[in-house]
Structure formats: structure tokens, C-alpha cells
N, C-alpha and C. Protein backbone atom coordinates (compact mmCIF):
# COMPACT_ATOMS: atom_id res chain seq x y z
N MET A 1 68.58 164.22 112.98
CA MET A 1 69.08 164.91 111.77
C MET A 1 70.18 164.25 111.04
N SER A 2 70.07 163.97 109.80
CA SER A 2 71.08 163.32 109.03
C SER A 2 72.35 164.15 108.90
N PRO A 3 73.54 163.53 108.89
CA PRO A 3 74.80 164.23 108.68
C PRO A 3 74.78 164.96 107.34
N ILE A 4 74.18 164.28 106.33
CA ILE A 4 74.20 164.82 104.93
C ILE A 4 73.36 166.06 104.93
N PHE A 5 72.17 166.00 105.59
CA PHE A 5 71.32 167.16 105.68
C PHE A 5 72.03 168.36 106.42
N ALA A 6 72.80 168.09 107.43
CA ALA A 6 73.54 169.15 108.17
C ALA A 6 74.57 169.72 107.27
N TYR A 7 75.31 168.82 106.52
CA TYR A 7 76.28 169.29 105.66
C TYR A 7 75.75 170.22 104.53
N VAL A 8 74.62 169.79 103.99
CA VAL A 8 74.06 170.62 102.91
C VAL A 8 73.50 171.97 103.53
N MET A 9 72.97 171.95 104.68
CA MET A 9 72.56 173.18 105.33
C MET A 9 73.75 174.14 105.56
N ILE A 10 74.79 173.57 106.06
CA ILE A 10 75.99 174.36 106.34
C ILE A 10 76.56 174.92 105.02
N PHE A 11 76.47 174.09 103.91
CA PHE A 11 76.96 174.54 102.57
C PHE A 11 76.10 175.77 102.13
N GLY A 12 74.70 175.54 102.37
CA GLY A 12 73.84 176.64 102.03
C GLY A 12 74.11 177.97 102.78
N LEU A 13 74.42 177.81 104.02
CA LEU A 13 74.88 179.00 104.83
C LEU A 13 76.01 179.73 104.15
N TRP A 14 77.09 178.76 103.84
CA TRP A 14 78.32 179.37 103.25
C TRP A 14 77.90 180.13 101.92
N LEU A 15 77.08 179.45 101.11
CA LEU A 15 76.74 180.00 99.80
C LEU A 15 76.00 181.35 100.01
N PHE A 16 75.11 181.41 100.97
CA PHE A 16 74.43 182.74 101.35
C PHE A 16 75.48 183.77 101.68
N CYS A 17 76.40 183.48 102.63
CA CYS A 17 77.43 184.43 103.05
C CYS A 17 78.33 184.87 101.92
N ALA A 18 78.66 183.83 101.09
CA ALA A 18 79.56 184.07 99.94
C ALA A 18 78.90 185.12 99.01
N CYS A 19 77.56 184.91 98.75
CA CYS A 19 76.88 185.82 97.78
C CYS A 19 76.79 187.16 98.41
N LEU A 20 76.59 187.31 99.80
CA LEU A 20 76.64 188.61 100.41
C LEU A 20 78.00 189.28 100.25
N VAL A 21 78.99 188.50 100.42
CA VAL A 21 80.37 189.04 100.28
C VAL A 21 80.64 189.51 98.80
N TRP A 22 80.23 188.66 97.89
CA TRP A 22 80.42 189.03 96.44
C TRP A 22 79.50 190.17 96.11
N LEU A 23 78.35 190.37 96.76
CA LEU A 23 77.57 191.50 96.50
C LEU A 23 78.26 192.79 97.01
N ALA A 24 78.83 192.64 98.09
CA ALA A 24 79.61 193.81 98.76
C ALA A 24 80.84 194.16 97.86
N ALA A 25 81.55 193.17 97.29
CA ALA A 25 82.64 193.42 96.37
C ALA A 25 82.15 194.10 95.11
N ALA A 26 80.97 193.63 94.58
CA ALA A 26 80.45 194.23 93.32
C ALA A 26 80.00 195.61 93.64
N LEU A 27 79.43 196.03 94.77
CA LEU A 27 78.99 197.33 95.04
C LEU A 27 80.23 198.22 95.26
N MET A 28 81.35 197.73 95.68
CA MET A 28 82.55 198.52 95.95
C MET A 28 83.23 198.78 94.60
N SER A 29 83.14 197.91 93.61
CA SER A 29 83.94 197.97 92.46
C SER A 29 83.78 199.29 91.55
N PRO A 30 82.70 199.95 91.60
CA PRO A 30 82.66 201.21 90.80
C PRO A 30 83.60 202.31 91.15
N TRP A 31 83.93 202.28 92.47
CA TRP A 31 84.87 203.31 93.07
C TRP A 31 86.35 202.93 92.79
N ARG A 32 87.18 203.64 92.17
CA ARG A 32 88.50 203.32 91.85
C ARG A 32 89.34 202.99 93.03
N ARG A 33 89.23 203.73 94.10
CA ARG A 33 89.99 203.46 95.31
C ARG A 33 89.64 202.09 96.00
N ALA A 34 88.33 201.72 95.77
CA ALA A 34 87.88 200.49 96.44
C ALA A 34 88.09 199.23 95.61
N ARG A 35 88.49 199.44 94.37
CA ARG A 35 88.53 198.19 93.40
C ARG A 35 89.55 197.13 93.90
N PRO A 36 90.87 197.59 94.37
CA PRO A 36 91.61 196.48 94.83
C PRO A 36 91.12 195.71 96.09
N THR A 37 90.44 196.40 96.84
CA THR A 37 89.87 195.75 98.05
C THR A 37 88.58 194.85 97.57
N ALA A 38 87.88 195.26 96.65
CA ALA A 38 86.70 194.53 96.07
C ALA A 38 87.29 193.25 95.39
N ARG A 39 88.30 193.45 94.58
CA ARG A 39 88.94 192.26 93.93
C ARG A 39 89.47 191.23 94.99
N SER A 40 90.15 191.75 95.93
CA SER A 40 90.71 190.77 97.01
C SER A 40 89.58 190.11 97.76
N LEU A 41 88.52 190.92 98.09
CA LEU A 41 87.46 190.33 98.72
C LEU A 41 86.74 189.24 98.02
N GLY A 42 86.53 189.52 96.65
CA GLY A 42 85.88 188.43 95.79
C GLY A 42 86.68 187.23 95.64
N LEU A 43 88.00 187.34 95.48
CA LEU A 43 88.88 186.26 95.33
C LEU A 43 89.03 185.54 96.64
N ALA A 44 89.11 186.24 97.69
CA ALA A 44 89.25 185.61 98.96
C ALA A 44 88.06 184.58 99.27
N MET A 45 86.80 185.17 98.99
CA MET A 45 85.59 184.32 99.18
C MET A 45 85.64 183.17 98.26
N ALA A 46 86.03 183.37 97.01
CA ALA A 46 86.12 182.30 96.10
C ALA A 46 87.07 181.23 96.49
N GLY A 47 88.16 181.69 97.13
CA GLY A 47 89.22 180.67 97.56
C GLY A 47 88.87 179.83 98.71
N THR A 48 87.80 180.23 99.47
CA THR A 48 87.49 179.49 100.67
C THR A 48 86.88 178.08 100.32
N PHE A 49 86.01 178.10 99.24
CA PHE A 49 85.37 176.82 98.96
C PHE A 49 86.33 175.58 98.58
N PRO A 50 87.18 175.81 97.66
CA PRO A 50 88.07 174.67 97.38
C PRO A 50 89.01 174.38 98.52
N ALA A 51 89.46 175.35 99.23
CA ALA A 51 90.38 175.08 100.37
C ALA A 51 89.60 174.38 101.48
N VAL A 52 88.44 174.67 101.77
CA VAL A 52 87.67 173.91 102.77
C VAL A 52 87.42 172.51 102.37
N LEU A 53 87.05 172.34 101.03
CA LEU A 53 86.89 171.02 100.55
C LEU A 53 88.15 170.22 100.64
N LEU A 54 89.20 170.74 100.26
CA LEU A 54 90.51 170.07 100.34
C LEU A 54 90.85 169.64 101.81
N TYR A 55 90.74 170.54 102.72
CA TYR A 55 91.00 170.23 104.12
C TYR A 55 90.04 169.25 104.68
N GLN A 56 88.83 169.22 104.20
CA GLN A 56 87.84 168.16 104.65
C GLN A 56 88.25 166.80 104.18
N MET A 57 88.78 166.75 102.93
CA MET A 57 89.21 165.51 102.30
C MET A 57 90.39 165.01 103.09
N LEU A 58 91.27 165.94 103.49
CA LEU A 58 92.43 165.52 104.36
C LEU A 58 91.99 165.08 105.71
N ALA A 59 90.96 165.56 106.24
CA ALA A 59 90.40 165.01 107.54
C ALA A 59 89.69 163.78 107.43
N ALA A 60 89.19 163.37 106.29
CA ALA A 60 88.30 162.17 106.09
C ALA A 60 88.97 160.89 106.66
N PRO A 61 90.18 160.56 106.37
CA PRO A 61 90.78 159.38 106.93
C PRO A 61 90.88 159.36 108.38
N ILE A 62 91.15 160.45 109.04
CA ILE A 62 91.21 160.64 110.47
C ILE A 62 89.86 160.36 111.15
N VAL A 63 88.83 160.94 110.51
CA VAL A 63 87.40 160.82 110.99
C VAL A 63 87.00 159.30 110.72
N LEU A 64 87.35 158.69 109.62
CA LEU A 64 87.01 157.39 109.42
C LEU A 64 87.66 156.40 110.37
N ALA A 65 88.90 156.76 110.75
CA ALA A 65 89.61 155.93 111.74
C ALA A 65 88.94 156.09 113.11
N ILE A 66 88.60 157.29 113.50
CA ILE A 66 87.89 157.47 114.80
C ILE A 66 86.62 156.62 114.76
N LEU A 67 85.76 156.81 113.72
CA LEU A 67 84.46 156.09 113.75
C LEU A 67 84.64 154.54 113.64
N PHE A 68 85.59 154.09 112.92
CA PHE A 68 85.95 152.70 112.93
C PHE A 68 86.39 152.12 114.22
N THR A 69 87.22 152.93 114.92
CA THR A 69 87.64 152.53 116.29
C THR A 69 86.44 152.47 117.26
N VAL A 70 85.54 153.31 117.06
CA VAL A 70 84.38 153.37 118.05
C VAL A 70 83.47 152.17 117.69
N TRP A 71 83.32 151.89 116.36
CA TRP A 71 82.56 150.63 116.00
C TRP A 71 83.16 149.46 116.45
N LEU A 72 84.54 149.31 116.30
CA LEU A 72 85.25 148.12 116.74
C LEU A 72 85.09 147.91 118.29
N PHE A 73 85.23 149.03 119.00
CA PHE A 73 85.03 148.97 120.41
C PHE A 73 83.60 148.53 120.81
N TRP A 74 82.62 148.97 120.09
CA TRP A 74 81.27 148.64 120.33
C TRP A 74 81.10 147.06 120.06
N LYS A 75 81.67 146.59 118.95
CA LYS A 75 81.54 145.20 118.59
C LYS A 75 82.22 144.23 119.63
N VAL A 76 83.35 144.70 120.15
CA VAL A 76 84.09 143.97 121.21
C VAL A 76 83.30 143.92 122.46
N VAL A 77 82.71 145.04 122.95
CA VAL A 77 81.99 145.11 124.13
C VAL A 77 80.72 144.35 124.07
N GLU A 78 79.91 144.64 123.03
CA GLU A 78 78.67 143.98 122.73
C GLU A 78 78.63 143.20 121.42
N PRO A 79 79.19 142.07 121.38
CA PRO A 79 79.18 141.29 120.19
C PRO A 79 77.73 140.82 119.77
N GLY A 80 77.61 140.70 118.45
CA GLY A 80 76.30 140.22 117.95
C GLY A 80 75.74 141.19 116.88
N PRO A 81 74.56 140.86 116.42
CA PRO A 81 74.07 141.67 115.30
C PRO A 81 73.27 142.92 115.69
N SER A 82 73.28 143.17 117.03
CA SER A 82 72.54 144.28 117.60
C SER A 82 73.02 145.69 116.96
N THR A 83 72.04 146.54 116.66
CA THR A 83 72.34 147.91 116.16
C THR A 83 72.00 149.02 117.26
N VAL A 84 71.59 148.47 118.40
CA VAL A 84 71.33 149.48 119.46
C VAL A 84 72.23 149.10 120.62
N ALA A 85 72.97 150.18 121.08
CA ALA A 85 73.85 150.01 122.22
C ALA A 85 73.11 149.90 123.48
N THR A 86 73.48 148.94 124.37
CA THR A 86 72.87 148.98 125.72
C THR A 86 73.81 149.17 126.79
N SER A 87 75.10 149.04 126.55
CA SER A 87 76.14 149.29 127.56
C SER A 87 76.42 150.73 127.70
N GLY A 88 76.43 151.25 128.82
CA GLY A 88 76.76 152.67 129.15
C GLY A 88 78.13 153.03 128.68
N VAL A 89 79.11 152.11 128.80
CA VAL A 89 80.45 152.48 128.27
C VAL A 89 80.47 152.59 126.73
N VAL A 90 79.73 151.78 126.04
CA VAL A 90 79.66 151.92 124.64
C VAL A 90 78.95 153.25 124.20
N ILE A 91 77.95 153.59 124.96
CA ILE A 91 77.22 154.82 124.68
C ILE A 91 78.14 156.07 124.82
N VAL A 92 78.97 156.04 125.96
CA VAL A 92 79.82 157.13 126.20
C VAL A 92 81.02 157.21 125.17
N VAL A 93 81.56 156.00 124.84
CA VAL A 93 82.63 155.98 123.85
C VAL A 93 82.05 156.42 122.55
N SER A 94 80.88 156.01 122.19
CA SER A 94 80.18 156.45 120.86
C SER A 94 80.08 157.92 120.87
N PHE A 95 79.56 158.58 121.91
CA PHE A 95 79.38 159.91 122.03
C PHE A 95 80.70 160.72 121.94
N VAL A 96 81.74 160.20 122.61
CA VAL A 96 83.07 160.87 122.57
C VAL A 96 83.62 160.78 121.17
N GLY A 97 83.47 159.67 120.57
CA GLY A 97 83.99 159.45 119.22
C GLY A 97 83.25 160.33 118.26
N ALA A 98 81.88 160.54 118.32
CA ALA A 98 81.20 161.45 117.38
C ALA A 98 81.65 162.78 117.57
N ILE A 99 81.80 163.25 118.82
CA ILE A 99 82.15 164.62 119.21
C ILE A 99 83.62 164.84 118.62
N SER A 100 84.48 163.82 118.80
CA SER A 100 85.83 163.91 118.31
C SER A 100 85.81 164.07 116.78
N ALA A 101 85.06 163.22 116.10
CA ALA A 101 84.99 163.27 114.63
C ALA A 101 84.48 164.55 114.21
N PHE A 102 83.46 165.13 114.79
CA PHE A 102 82.92 166.53 114.42
C PHE A 102 83.86 167.51 114.64
N THR A 103 84.63 167.46 115.74
CA THR A 103 85.68 168.45 116.08
C THR A 103 86.75 168.47 115.07
N VAL A 104 87.19 167.30 114.61
CA VAL A 104 88.22 167.19 113.57
C VAL A 104 87.74 167.89 112.35
N VAL A 105 86.61 167.62 111.89
CA VAL A 105 86.00 168.13 110.58
C VAL A 105 85.82 169.66 110.74
N LEU A 106 85.33 170.13 111.89
CA LEU A 106 85.13 171.56 112.09
C LEU A 106 86.50 172.25 112.19
N ALA A 107 87.52 171.68 112.91
CA ALA A 107 88.79 172.33 112.88
C ALA A 107 89.41 172.47 111.48
N MET A 108 89.40 171.37 110.78
CA MET A 108 89.90 171.33 109.41
C MET A 108 89.27 172.19 108.48
N SER A 109 87.93 172.31 108.65
CA SER A 109 87.11 173.29 107.80
C SER A 109 87.55 174.75 108.06
N LEU A 110 87.69 175.00 109.42
CA LEU A 110 88.06 176.44 109.77
C LEU A 110 89.44 176.79 109.19
N VAL A 111 90.36 175.75 109.26
CA VAL A 111 91.77 176.03 108.86
C VAL A 111 91.66 176.13 107.24
N GLY A 112 90.90 175.33 106.58
CA GLY A 112 90.73 175.46 105.19
C GLY A 112 90.09 176.84 104.80
N PHE A 113 89.18 177.29 105.56
CA PHE A 113 88.54 178.61 105.31
C PHE A 113 89.60 179.68 105.36
N TYR A 114 90.41 179.61 106.46
CA TYR A 114 91.44 180.65 106.70
C TYR A 114 92.44 180.68 105.56
N GLU A 115 92.91 179.35 105.18
CA GLU A 115 93.88 179.30 104.06
C GLU A 115 93.38 179.73 102.79
N GLY A 116 92.11 179.38 102.46
CA GLY A 116 91.57 179.81 101.16
C GLY A 116 91.39 181.33 101.19
N TRP A 117 90.95 181.90 102.25
CA TRP A 117 90.74 183.32 102.33
C TRP A 117 92.11 184.06 102.25
N ARG A 118 93.14 183.50 102.86
CA ARG A 118 94.44 184.13 102.85
C ARG A 118 95.02 184.03 101.41
N ILE A 119 94.91 182.97 100.77
CA ILE A 119 95.40 182.72 99.38
C ILE A 119 94.69 183.71 98.51
N GLY A 120 93.26 183.68 98.53
CA GLY A 120 92.54 184.46 97.63
C GLY A 120 92.85 186.02 97.75
N TRP A 121 92.92 186.36 99.11
CA TRP A 121 93.26 187.79 99.31
C TRP A 121 94.55 188.27 98.73
N ALA A 122 95.57 187.39 98.94
CA ALA A 122 96.96 187.74 98.39
C ALA A 122 96.93 187.77 96.99
N CYS A 123 96.26 186.77 96.37
CA CYS A 123 96.23 186.75 94.85
C CYS A 123 95.43 188.04 94.34
N GLY A 124 94.46 188.45 95.07
CA GLY A 124 93.73 189.71 94.65
C GLY A 124 94.59 190.94 94.81
N LYS A 125 95.57 190.83 95.68
CA LYS A 125 96.51 191.99 95.82
C LYS A 125 97.65 191.88 94.82
N GLY A 126 97.67 190.89 93.91
CA GLY A 126 98.57 190.80 92.83
C GLY A 126 99.77 189.85 93.07
N GLN A 127 99.72 189.17 94.19
CA GLN A 127 100.81 188.14 94.36
C GLN A 127 100.51 186.81 93.49
N ARG A 128 101.62 186.16 93.19
CA ARG A 128 101.45 184.89 92.47
C ARG A 128 100.90 183.84 93.27
N LEU A 129 100.13 182.92 92.72
CA LEU A 129 99.47 181.85 93.52
C LEU A 129 100.56 180.94 94.13
N ARG A 130 101.49 180.47 93.35
CA ARG A 130 102.56 179.60 93.83
C ARG A 130 103.33 180.28 95.04
N GLU A 131 103.64 181.61 94.96
CA GLU A 131 104.30 182.23 96.05
C GLU A 131 103.45 182.21 97.27
N VAL A 132 102.20 182.56 97.13
CA VAL A 132 101.32 182.67 98.23
C VAL A 132 101.17 181.30 98.97
N ILE A 133 101.02 180.24 98.14
CA ILE A 133 100.91 178.88 98.71
C ILE A 133 102.15 178.50 99.43
N ASP A 134 103.32 178.78 98.85
CA ASP A 134 104.59 178.47 99.45
C ASP A 134 104.84 179.21 100.79
N THR A 135 104.35 180.38 101.10
CA THR A 135 104.57 181.05 102.26
C THR A 135 103.58 180.77 103.37
N GLY A 136 102.61 179.95 103.05
CA GLY A 136 101.55 179.64 104.06
C GLY A 136 102.07 178.58 105.09
N ALA A 137 101.47 178.58 106.21
CA ALA A 137 101.85 177.66 107.33
C ALA A 137 101.83 176.20 106.87
N PRO A 138 100.79 175.71 106.24
CA PRO A 138 100.79 174.34 105.81
C PRO A 138 101.99 173.92 104.93
N ALA A 139 102.35 174.72 104.01
CA ALA A 139 103.46 174.54 103.23
C ALA A 139 104.80 174.47 104.01
N ARG A 140 104.95 175.38 104.98
CA ARG A 140 106.07 175.35 105.86
C ARG A 140 106.17 174.10 106.62
N VAL A 141 104.99 173.69 107.23
CA VAL A 141 104.97 172.44 108.04
C VAL A 141 105.32 171.26 107.13
N LEU A 142 104.77 171.16 105.96
CA LEU A 142 105.06 170.07 105.13
C LEU A 142 106.40 170.06 104.68
N ARG A 143 107.03 171.21 104.41
CA ARG A 143 108.44 171.34 103.95
C ARG A 143 109.33 170.85 105.09
N ARG A 144 109.02 171.20 106.37
CA ARG A 144 109.76 170.83 107.57
C ARG A 144 109.76 169.32 107.69
N LEU A 145 108.58 168.75 107.59
CA LEU A 145 108.43 167.29 107.68
C LEU A 145 109.24 166.55 106.56
N LEU A 146 109.13 167.02 105.42
CA LEU A 146 109.82 166.40 104.29
C LEU A 146 111.36 166.53 104.44
N ASP A 147 111.80 167.69 104.98
CA ASP A 147 113.26 167.85 105.24
C ASP A 147 113.69 166.85 106.31
N LYS A 148 112.97 166.64 107.32
CA LYS A 148 113.30 165.73 108.34
C LYS A 148 113.35 164.35 107.79
N MET A 149 112.35 163.99 106.92
CA MET A 149 112.37 162.64 106.46
C MET A 149 113.54 162.50 105.47
N LEU A 150 113.86 163.38 104.66
CA LEU A 150 114.97 163.31 103.69
C LEU A 150 116.30 163.27 104.32
N HIS A 151 116.43 164.15 105.40
CA HIS A 151 117.74 164.24 106.12
C HIS A 151 117.91 162.77 106.84
N ARG A 152 116.93 162.30 107.41
CA ARG A 152 117.09 160.98 108.04
C ARG A 152 117.49 159.89 107.06
N LYS A 153 116.86 160.02 105.87
CA LYS A 153 117.25 159.00 104.89
C LYS A 153 118.67 159.19 104.45
N ALA A 154 119.11 160.46 104.41
CA ALA A 154 120.41 160.77 103.86
C ALA A 154 121.44 160.42 104.93
N ALA A 155 121.08 160.53 106.11
CA ALA A 155 121.94 160.20 107.37
C ALA A 155 122.24 158.82 107.51
N THR A 156 121.23 157.91 107.18
CA THR A 156 121.50 156.49 107.25
C THR A 156 122.51 155.99 106.16
N PRO A 157 123.41 155.15 106.48
CA PRO A 157 124.40 154.68 105.54
C PRO A 157 123.69 153.74 104.59
N PRO A 158 124.22 153.71 103.41
CA PRO A 158 123.61 152.78 102.39
C PRO A 158 123.98 151.33 102.75
N PRO A 159 123.10 150.34 102.42
CA PRO A 159 123.41 148.96 102.72
C PRO A 159 124.68 148.56 102.03
N PRO A 160 125.47 147.59 102.67
CA PRO A 160 126.66 147.22 102.15
C PRO A 160 126.44 146.46 100.86
N HIS A 161 127.39 146.66 99.90
CA HIS A 161 127.30 146.07 98.63
C HIS A 161 127.85 144.62 98.70
N VAL A 162 127.06 143.66 98.32
CA VAL A 162 127.60 142.26 98.19
C VAL A 162 128.00 141.90 96.94
N SER A 163 129.22 141.35 97.00
CA SER A 163 129.86 140.98 95.68
C SER A 163 129.84 139.45 95.56
N TRP A 164 129.52 138.82 94.50
CA TRP A 164 129.61 137.38 94.37
C TRP A 164 130.80 136.92 93.67
N ASN A 165 131.92 137.80 93.48
CA ASN A 165 133.17 137.47 92.86
C ASN A 165 134.09 136.69 93.83
């Protein structure tokens, strides 16, 4: 089965589930007490698609590095134009690399789904998008990393000034 075919099938499954969630939100909306939940539900589901896509794009360089490392290992162990692996070590490394790449994409997709749902749900409850994004775990981690980088740069003394006078 082609990876593109699998990706399209999973997208179709997401679309089917999204339509069910949006149908549930639409059926809830006529009742006044259920409208805030329906709005949050609809926005939460809508938020999952761009978030999953963003997190998959963030995972792409890692996956490419894994696959390139596997290919490089294969070409070192079995040099030549062969496209069929015959060494058991190459087969095992290729399998582990494929599983690792799949795991990275799956994990990032699930994190993206969670973040998109969290952001959409909070926006449906009336919170501002910027505030919701700033309170999320990825923003806190990124802020911490940037603070460490900036503090290290601030802690290093500037280079001495050379005067030609």
C-alpha cells in the first residue's frame, strides 16, 4: 500500500469523523443551553485540521533525516545500484527506520490534533486566539527555549573592541 494512499484514507476518516462532529454540533444548536457547547464543538473540530497539518510539517524534517540515515546506511553496507536489500542488517535497520518515521508522524499528528482541539474549544468559549495559543504547552516550551538562548547570549561578554588608533 502506498504511503500517499494511506494518508488519503486517514484524511478521509478524519473528514468523516469531522462531519459527524459538525452534525452533532448542528443538531445541538437549536437549544439555547446547548449552543455554547455546539459552538465550541464545531470550532474545536475545525481547529484540528490546520494544527495537525502544521505539526506534520514540523515533523517532516525529522522523518526525512531518519529516512536519509536509513538510506545512507543501506548504501554503505550494500554499495551499488541495487534497489533490493539482501543483507539482514539492512532489512532490520530499514524496518526500524520506517517504524520510527511512522511513530514520529503519528505522535506529531496526535499532538496537533490535541492542540487544535484545545485552541478551537477555548475560542468557542469566547477566549481570544492569541491568549489561547500563548497558554498552550508548545508556546511555553518555545518560550523557555528562547529564554535560555537569549540569556546565554546575554551572559556571554561582547567581543573586545579593537582600536586602530
